[in-house]
Amino acid sequence: MVVLRGDHFIKYNYMAESKGLGDTIEKITKATGIKKVVDTVAKATGKDCGCKNRQNSLNKLFPYNPSGAWLSQRYK
């Protein structure tokens, strides 16, 4: 995705950097500030939020595949 901002082009390439759905959700929570709130609460309570485990699980369940055929590979 390319966005024109003033005289500059800004290129966004989220899918290439993300391994799966978990990585994308992490980027969204960082951009919206939710991650910072969750990390602050987790630090205050002394309990792990489980974000990394959840992220890895979602990446395994819903990986991104450049060919777009992840269902056919997963359910052969």
PDB file of N, CA and C in Angstrom:
ATOM      1  N   MET A   1       0.851  -1.167   0.000  1.00  0.00           N
ATOM      2  CA  MET A   1       0.000   0.000   0.000  1.00  0.00           C
ATOM      3  C   MET A   1       0.896   1.229   0.000  1.00  0.00           C
ATOM      4  N   VAL A   2       0.624   2.152  -0.848  1.00  0.00           N
ATOM      5  CA  VAL A   2       1.409   3.377  -0.948  1.00  0.00           C
ATOM      6  C   VAL A   2       0.491   4.554  -0.668  1.00  0.00           C
ATOM      7  N   VAL A   3       0.964   5.453   0.175  1.00  0.00           N
ATOM      8  CA  VAL A   3       0.184   6.624   0.549  1.00  0.00           C
ATOM      9  C   VAL A   3       0.951   7.871   0.148  1.00  0.00           C
ATOM     10  N   LEU A   4       0.273   8.820  -0.452  1.00  0.00           N
ATOM     11  CA  LEU A   4       0.890  10.086  -0.817  1.00  0.00           C
ATOM     12  C   LEU A   4       0.644  11.078   0.309  1.00  0.00           C
ATOM     13  N   ARG A   5       1.710  11.604   0.848  1.00  0.00           N
ATOM     14  CA  ARG A   5       1.612  12.566   1.944  1.00  0.00           C
ATOM     15  C   ARG A   5       2.482  13.768   1.591  1.00  0.00           C
ATOM     16  N   GLY A   6       1.852  14.838   1.236  1.00  0.00           N
ATOM     17  CA  GLY A   6       2.611  16.010   0.803  1.00  0.00           C
ATOM     18  C   GLY A   6       3.312  15.698  -0.510  1.00  0.00           C
ATOM     19  N   ASP A   7       4.612  15.878  -0.531  1.00  0.00           N
ATOM     20  CA  ASP A   7       5.403  15.564  -1.720  1.00  0.00           C
ATOM     21  C   ASP A   7       6.114  14.227  -1.597  1.00  0.00           C
ATOM     22  N   HIS A   8       5.777  13.449  -0.586  1.00  0.00           N
ATOM     23  CA  HIS A   8       6.499  12.207  -0.322  1.00  0.00           C
ATOM     24  C   HIS A   8       5.575  11.001  -0.430  1.00  0.00           C
ATOM     25  N   PHE A   9       6.128   9.913  -0.888  1.00  0.00           N
ATOM     26  CA  PHE A   9       5.407   8.648  -0.883  1.00  0.00           C
ATOM     27  C   PHE A   9       5.820   7.863   0.350  1.00  0.00           C
ATOM     28  N   ILE A  10       4.853   7.334   1.068  1.00  0.00           N
ATOM     29  CA  ILE A  10       5.128   6.492   2.230  1.00  0.00           C
ATOM     30  C   ILE A  10       4.618   5.103   1.891  1.00  0.00           C
ATOM     31  N   LYS A  11       5.489   4.129   1.969  1.00  0.00           N
ATOM     32  CA  LYS A  11       5.109   2.772   1.621  1.00  0.00           C
ATOM     33  C   LYS A  11       4.870   1.970   2.896  1.00  0.00           C
ATOM     34  N   TYR A  12       3.703   1.339   2.964  1.00  0.00           N
ATOM     35  CA  TYR A  12       3.359   0.469   4.076  1.00  0.00           C
ATOM     36  C   TYR A  12       3.337  -0.962   3.573  1.00  0.00           C
ATOM     37  N   ASN A  13       4.093  -1.817   4.213  1.00  0.00           N
ATOM     38  CA  ASN A  13       4.154  -3.208   3.791  1.00  0.00           C
ATOM     39  C   ASN A  13       4.012  -4.095   5.027  1.00  0.00           C
ATOM     40  N   TYR A  14       2.801  -4.139   5.597  1.00  0.00           N
ATOM     41  CA  TYR A  14       2.573  -4.869   6.836  1.00  0.00           C
ATOM     42  C   TYR A  14       2.616  -6.381   6.648  1.00  0.00           C
ATOM     43  N   MET A  15       2.082  -6.867   5.546  1.00  0.00           N
ATOM     44  CA  MET A  15       1.994  -8.306   5.349  1.00  0.00           C
ATOM     45  C   MET A  15       3.372  -8.936   5.185  1.00  0.00           C
ATOM     46  N   ALA A  16       4.320  -8.272   4.580  1.00  0.00           N
ATOM     47  CA  ALA A  16       5.638  -8.844   4.359  1.00  0.00           C
ATOM     48  C   ALA A  16       6.389  -9.002   5.665  1.00  0.00           C
ATOM     49  N   GLU A  17       6.166  -8.144   6.624  1.00  0.00           N
ATOM     50  CA  GLU A  17       6.893  -8.194   7.879  1.00  0.00           C
ATOM     51  C   GLU A  17       6.252  -9.140   8.889  1.00  0.00           C
ATOM     52  N   SER A  18       4.975  -9.383   8.776  1.00  0.00           N
ATOM     53  CA  SER A  18       4.262 -10.220   9.724  1.00  0.00           C
ATOM     54  C   SER A  18       4.298 -11.672   9.292  1.00  0.00           C
ATOM     55  N   LYS A  19       4.545 -12.567  10.259  1.00  0.00           N
ATOM     56  CA  LYS A  19       4.526 -13.996   9.967  1.00  0.00           C
ATOM     57  C   LYS A  19       3.102 -14.533   9.969  1.00  0.00           C
ATOM     58  N   GLY A  20       2.223 -13.877  10.729  1.00  0.00           N
ATOM     59  CA  GLY A  20       0.849 -14.351  10.824  1.00  0.00           C
ATOM     60  C   GLY A  20      -0.040 -13.346  11.516  1.00  0.00           C
ATOM     61  N   LEU A  21      -1.240 -13.794  11.858  1.00  0.00           N
ATOM     62  CA  LEU A  21      -2.244 -12.928  12.472  1.00  0.00           C
ATOM     63  C   LEU A  21      -1.768 -12.354  13.813  1.00  0.00           C
ATOM     64  N   GLY A  22      -1.027 -13.117  14.575  1.00  0.00           N
ATOM     65  CA  GLY A  22      -0.535 -12.645  15.870  1.00  0.00           C
ATOM     66  C   GLY A  22       0.349 -11.420  15.746  1.00  0.00           C
ATOM     67  N   ASP A  23       1.215 -11.402  14.740  1.00  0.00           N
ATOM     68  CA  ASP A  23       2.081 -10.241  14.518  1.00  0.00           C
ATOM     69  C   ASP A  23       1.276  -9.009  14.125  1.00  0.00           C
ATOM     70  N   THR A  24       0.257  -9.204  13.310  1.00  0.00           N
ATOM     71  CA  THR A  24      -0.581  -8.084  12.890  1.00  0.00           C
ATOM     72  C   THR A  24      -1.351  -7.501  14.067  1.00  0.00           C
ATOM     73  N   ILE A  25      -1.892  -8.360  14.914  1.00  0.00           N
ATOM     74  CA  ILE A  25      -2.621  -7.886  16.093  1.00  0.00           C
ATOM     75  C   ILE A  25      -1.684  -7.135  17.030  1.00  0.00           C
ATOM     76  N   GLU A  26      -0.452  -7.611  17.163  1.00  0.00           N
ATOM     77  CA  GLU A  26       0.516  -6.898  18.006  1.00  0.00           C
ATOM     78  C   GLU A  26       0.784  -5.489  17.460  1.00  0.00           C
ATOM     79  N   LYS A  27       0.911  -5.358  16.148  1.00  0.00           N
ATOM     80  CA  LYS A  27       1.148  -4.041  15.542  1.00  0.00           C
ATOM     81  C   LYS A  27      -0.037  -3.105  15.774  1.00  0.00           C
ATOM     82  N   ILE A  28      -1.243  -3.649  15.685  1.00  0.00           N
ATOM     83  CA  ILE A  28      -2.434  -2.836  15.910  1.00  0.00           C
ATOM     84  C   ILE A  28      -2.505  -2.375  17.361  1.00  0.00           C
ATOM     85  N   THR A  29      -2.210  -3.268  18.298  1.00  0.00           N
ATOM     86  CA  THR A  29      -2.282  -2.887  19.711  1.00  0.00           C
ATOM     87  C   THR A  29      -1.181  -1.883  20.071  1.00  0.00           C
ATOM     88  N   LYS A  30      -0.029  -1.988  19.429  1.00  0.00           N
ATOM     89  CA  LYS A  30       1.021  -0.984  19.655  1.00  0.00           C
ATOM     90  C   LYS A  30       0.598   0.378  19.110  1.00  0.00           C
ATOM     91  N   ALA A  31       0.020   0.381  17.916  1.00  0.00           N
ATOM     92  CA  ALA A  31      -0.374   1.638  17.269  1.00  0.00           C
ATOM     93  C   ALA A  31      -1.489   2.348  18.023  1.00  0.00           C
ATOM     94  N   THR A  32      -2.381   1.589  18.643  1.00  0.00           N
ATOM     95  CA  THR A  32      -3.509   2.189  19.352  1.00  0.00           C
ATOM     96  C   THR A  32      -3.206   2.497  20.813  1.00  0.00           C
ATOM     97  N   GLY A  33      -2.094   2.007  21.324  1.00  0.00           N
ATOM     98  CA  GLY A  33      -1.725   2.270  22.714  1.00  0.00           C
ATOM     99  C   GLY A  33      -2.227   1.226  23.692  1.00  0.00           C
ATOM    100  N   ILE A  34      -2.927   0.218  23.196  1.00  0.00           N
ATOM    101  CA  ILE A  34      -3.451  -0.828  24.077  1.00  0.00           C
ATOM    102  C   ILE A  34      -2.317  -1.617  24.713  1.00  0.00           C
ATOM    103  N   LYS A  35      -1.279  -1.896  23.951  1.00  0.00           N
ATOM    104  CA  LYS A  35      -0.151  -2.686  24.461  1.00  0.00           C
ATOM    105  C   LYS A  35       0.520  -2.004  25.644  1.00  0.00           C
ATOM    106  N   LYS A  36       0.670  -0.706  25.576  1.00  0.00           N
ATOM    107  CA  LYS A  36       1.308   0.029  26.665  1.00  0.00           C
ATOM    108  C   LYS A  36       0.473  -0.067  27.943  1.00  0.00           C
ATOM    109  N   VAL A  37      -0.841   0.022  27.820  1.00  0.00           N
ATOM    110  CA  VAL A  37      -1.729  -0.100  28.982  1.00  0.00           C
ATOM    111  C   VAL A  37      -1.629  -1.502  29.572  1.00  0.00           C
ATOM    112  N   VAL A  38      -1.669  -2.516  28.703  1.00  0.00           N
ATOM    113  CA  VAL A  38      -1.587  -3.906  29.164  1.00  0.00           C
ATOM    114  C   VAL A  38      -0.244  -4.164  29.849  1.00  0.00           C
ATOM    115  N   ASP A  39       0.839  -3.672  29.276  1.00  0.00           N
ATOM    116  CA  ASP A  39       2.162  -3.853  29.888  1.00  0.00           C
ATOM    117  C   ASP A  39       2.255  -3.151  31.242  1.00  0.00           C
ATOM    118  N   THR A  40       1.661  -1.973  31.366  1.00  0.00           N
ATOM    119  CA  THR A  40       1.671  -1.237  32.634  1.00  0.00           C
ATOM    120  C   THR A  40       0.886  -1.988  33.701  1.00  0.00           C
ATOM    121  N   VAL A  41      -0.276  -2.500  33.341  1.00  0.00           N
ATOM    122  CA  VAL A  41      -1.085  -3.265  34.294  1.00  0.00           C
ATOM    123  C   VAL A  41      -0.375  -4.554  34.684  1.00  0.00           C
ATOM    124  N   ALA A  42       0.232  -5.227  33.704  1.00  0.00           N
ATOM    125  CA  ALA A  42       0.957  -6.467  33.999  1.00  0.00           C
ATOM    126  C   ALA A  42       2.135  -6.213  34.929  1.00  0.00           C
ATOM    127  N   LYS A  43       2.816  -5.114  34.725  1.00  0.00           N
ATOM    128  CA  LYS A  43       3.957  -4.773  35.590  1.00  0.00           C
ATOM    129  C   LYS A  43       3.477  -4.440  37.000  1.00  0.00           C
ATOM    130  N   ALA A  44       2.357  -3.723  37.118  1.00  0.00           N
ATOM    131  CA  ALA A  44       1.827  -3.335  38.424  1.00  0.00           C
ATOM    132  C   ALA A  44       1.332  -4.546  39.215  1.00  0.00           C
ATOM    133  N   THR A  45       0.730  -5.504  38.508  1.00  0.00           N
ATOM    134  CA  THR A  45       0.192  -6.681  39.205  1.00  0.00           C
ATOM    135  C   THR A  45       1.228  -7.782  39.373  1.00  0.00           C
ATOM    136  N   GLY A  46       2.307  -7.705  38.606  1.00  0.00           N
ATOM    137  CA  GLY A  46       3.347  -8.726  38.699  1.00  0.00           C
ATOM    138  C   GLY A  46       2.991 -10.014  37.974  1.00  0.00           C
ATOM    139  N   LYS A  47       1.980  -9.970  37.117  1.00  0.00           N
ATOM    140  CA  LYS A  47       1.554 -11.144  36.361  1.00  0.00           C
ATOM    141  C   LYS A  47       1.831 -10.933  34.882  1.00  0.00           C
ATOM    142  N   ASP A  48       2.227 -12.013  34.227  1.00  0.00           N
ATOM    143  CA  ASP A  48       2.458 -11.960  32.779  1.00  0.00           C
ATOM    144  C   ASP A  48       1.114 -11.935  32.062  1.00  0.00           C
ATOM    145  N   CYS A  49       0.992 -11.087  31.051  1.00  0.00           N
ATOM    146  CA  CYS A  49      -0.273 -10.969  30.324  1.00  0.00           C
ATOM    147  C   CYS A  49      -0.482 -12.120  29.346  1.00  0.00           C
ATOM    148  N   GLY A  50       0.569 -12.822  28.980  1.00  0.00           N
ATOM    149  CA  GLY A  50       0.455 -13.935  28.050  1.00  0.00           C
ATOM    150  C   GLY A  50       0.405 -13.505  26.597  1.00  0.00           C
ATOM    151  N   CYS A  51       0.795 -12.288  26.326  1.00  0.00           N
ATOM    152  CA  CYS A  51       0.705 -11.742  24.970  1.00  0.00           C
ATOM    153  C   CYS A  51       1.587 -12.507  23.984  1.00  0.00           C
ATOM    154  N   LYS A  52       2.814 -12.808  24.367  1.00  0.00           N
ATOM    155  CA  LYS A  52       3.741 -13.499  23.457  1.00  0.00           C
ATOM    156  C   LYS A  52       3.241 -14.902  23.135  1.00  0.00           C
ATOM    157  N   ASN A  53       2.737 -15.619  24.138  1.00  0.00           N
ATOM    158  CA  ASN A  53       2.203 -16.960  23.883  1.00  0.00           C
ATOM    159  C   ASN A  53       0.998 -16.900  22.958  1.00  0.00           C
ATOM    160  N   ARG A  54       0.129 -15.928  23.189  1.00  0.00           N
ATOM    161  CA  ARG A  54      -1.051 -15.747  22.344  1.00  0.00           C
ATOM    162  C   ARG A  54      -0.638 -15.378  20.916  1.00  0.00           C
ATOM    163  N   GLN A  55       0.342 -14.499  20.802  1.00  0.00           N
ATOM    164  CA  GLN A  55       0.833 -14.088  19.488  1.00  0.00           C
ATOM    165  C   GLN A  55       1.408 -15.280  18.721  1.00  0.00           C
ATOM    166  N   ASN A  56       2.223 -16.097  19.385  1.00  0.00           N
ATOM    167  CA  ASN A  56       2.807 -17.263  18.724  1.00  0.00           C
ATOM    168  C   ASN A  56       1.741 -18.279  18.326  1.00  0.00           C
ATOM    169  N   SER A  57       0.743 -18.465  19.179  1.00  0.00           N
ATOM    170  CA  SER A  57      -0.344 -19.395  18.859  1.00  0.00           C
ATOM    171  C   SER A  57      -1.131 -18.927  17.636  1.00  0.00           C
ATOM    172  N   LEU A  58      -1.445 -17.633  17.585  1.00  0.00           N
ATOM    173  CA  LEU A  58      -2.179 -17.100  16.435  1.00  0.00           C
ATOM    174  C   LEU A  58      -1.347 -17.160  15.159  1.00  0.00           C
ATOM    175  N   ASN A  59      -0.037 -16.956  15.280  1.00  0.00           N
ATOM    176  CA  ASN A  59       0.831 -17.069  14.105  1.00  0.00           C
ATOM    177  C   ASN A  59       0.835 -18.493  13.564  1.00  0.00           C
ATOM    178  N   LYS A  60       0.810 -19.482  14.461  1.00  0.00           N
ATOM    179  CA  LYS A  60       0.790 -20.876  14.025  1.00  0.00           C
ATOM    180  C   LYS A  60      -0.566 -21.260  13.435  1.00  0.00           C
ATOM    181  N   LEU A  61      -1.646 -20.771  14.034  1.00  0.00           N
ATOM    182  CA  LEU A  61      -2.984 -21.106  13.542  1.00  0.00           C
ATOM    183  C   LEU A  61      -3.311 -20.407  12.222  1.00  0.00           C
ATOM    184  N   PHE A  62      -2.893 -19.150  12.096  1.00  0.00           N
ATOM    185  CA  PHE A  62      -3.216 -18.345  10.915  1.00  0.00           C
ATOM    186  C   PHE A  62      -1.962 -17.703  10.323  1.00  0.00           C
ATOM    187  N   PRO A  63      -1.079 -18.518   9.734  1.00  0.00           N
ATOM    188  CA  PRO A  63       0.133 -17.946   9.135  1.00  0.00           C
ATOM    189  C   PRO A  63      -0.178 -17.261   7.817  1.00  0.00           C
ATOM    190  N   TYR A  64       0.662 -16.285   7.468  1.00  0.00           N
ATOM    191  CA  TYR A  64       0.528 -15.623   6.172  1.00  0.00           C
ATOM    192  C   TYR A  64       1.390 -16.381   5.172  1.00  0.00           C
ATOM    193  N   ASN A  65       0.820 -16.615   4.017  1.00  0.00           N
ATOM    194  CA  ASN A  65       1.512 -17.324   2.966  1.00  0.00           C
ATOM    195  C   ASN A  65       1.464 -16.443   1.723  1.00  0.00           C
ATOM    196  N   PRO A  66       2.609 -16.168   1.105  1.00  0.00           N
ATOM    197  CA  PRO A  66       2.606 -15.293  -0.071  1.00  0.00           C
ATOM    198  C   PRO A  66       1.722 -15.798  -1.202  1.00  0.00           C
ATOM    199  N   SER A  67       1.561 -17.102  -1.336  1.00  0.00           N
ATOM    200  CA  SER A  67       0.731 -17.626  -2.414  1.00  0.00           C
ATOM    201  C   SER A  67      -0.753 -17.553  -2.067  1.00  0.00           C
ATOM    202  N   GLY A  68      -1.083 -17.320  -0.788  1.00  0.00           N
ATOM    203  CA  GLY A  68      -2.466 -17.211  -0.364  1.00  0.00           C
ATOM    204  C   GLY A  68      -3.172 -18.551  -0.238  1.00  0.00           C
ATOM    205  N   ALA A  69      -2.419 -19.625  -0.214  1.00  0.00           N
ATOM    206  CA  ALA A  69      -3.017 -20.953  -0.164  1.00  0.00           C
ATOM    207  C   ALA A  69      -2.755 -21.631   1.180  1.00  0.00           C
ATOM    208  N   TRP A  70      -2.853 -20.900   2.266  1.00  0.00           N
ATOM    209  CA  TRP A  70      -2.543 -21.498   3.570  1.00  0.00           C
ATOM    210  C   TRP A  70      -3.566 -22.549   3.963  1.00  0.00           C
ATOM    211  N   LEU A  71      -4.804 -22.422   3.539  1.00  0.00           N
ATOM    212  CA  LEU A  71      -5.807 -23.430   3.883  1.00  0.00           C
ATOM    213  C   LEU A  71      -5.513 -24.760   3.208  1.00  0.00           C
ATOM    214  N   SER A  72      -5.114 -24.721   1.944  1.00  0.00           N
ATOM    215  CA  SER A  72      -4.851 -25.964   1.244  1.00  0.00           C
ATOM    216  C   SER A  72      -3.624 -26.667   1.811  1.00  0.00           C
ATOM    217  N   GLN A  73      -2.650 -25.910   2.312  1.00  0.00           N
ATOM    218  CA  GLN A  73      -1.469 -26.528   2.901  1.00  0.00           C
ATOM    219  C   GLN A  73      -1.772 -27.092   4.279  1.00  0.00           C
ATOM    220  N   ARG A  74      -2.616 -26.418   5.024  1.00  0.00           N
ATOM    221  CA  ARG A  74      -2.896 -26.829   6.385  1.00  0.00           C
ATOM    222  C   ARG A  74      -3.839 -28.033   6.440  1.00  0.00           C
ATOM    223  N   TYR A  75      -4.775 -28.116   5.520  1.00  0.00           N
ATOM    224  CA  TYR A  75      -5.800 -29.152   5.573  1.00  0.00           C
ATOM    225  C   TYR A  75      -5.743 -30.102   4.384  1.00  0.00           C
ATOM    226  N   LYS A  76      -4.572 -30.636   4.092  1.00  0.00           N
ATOM    227  CA  LYS A  76      -4.430 -31.598   2.995  1.00  0.00           C
ATOM    228  C   LYS A  76      -4.926 -32.952   3.422  1.00  0.00           C
TER     229      LYS A  76
END
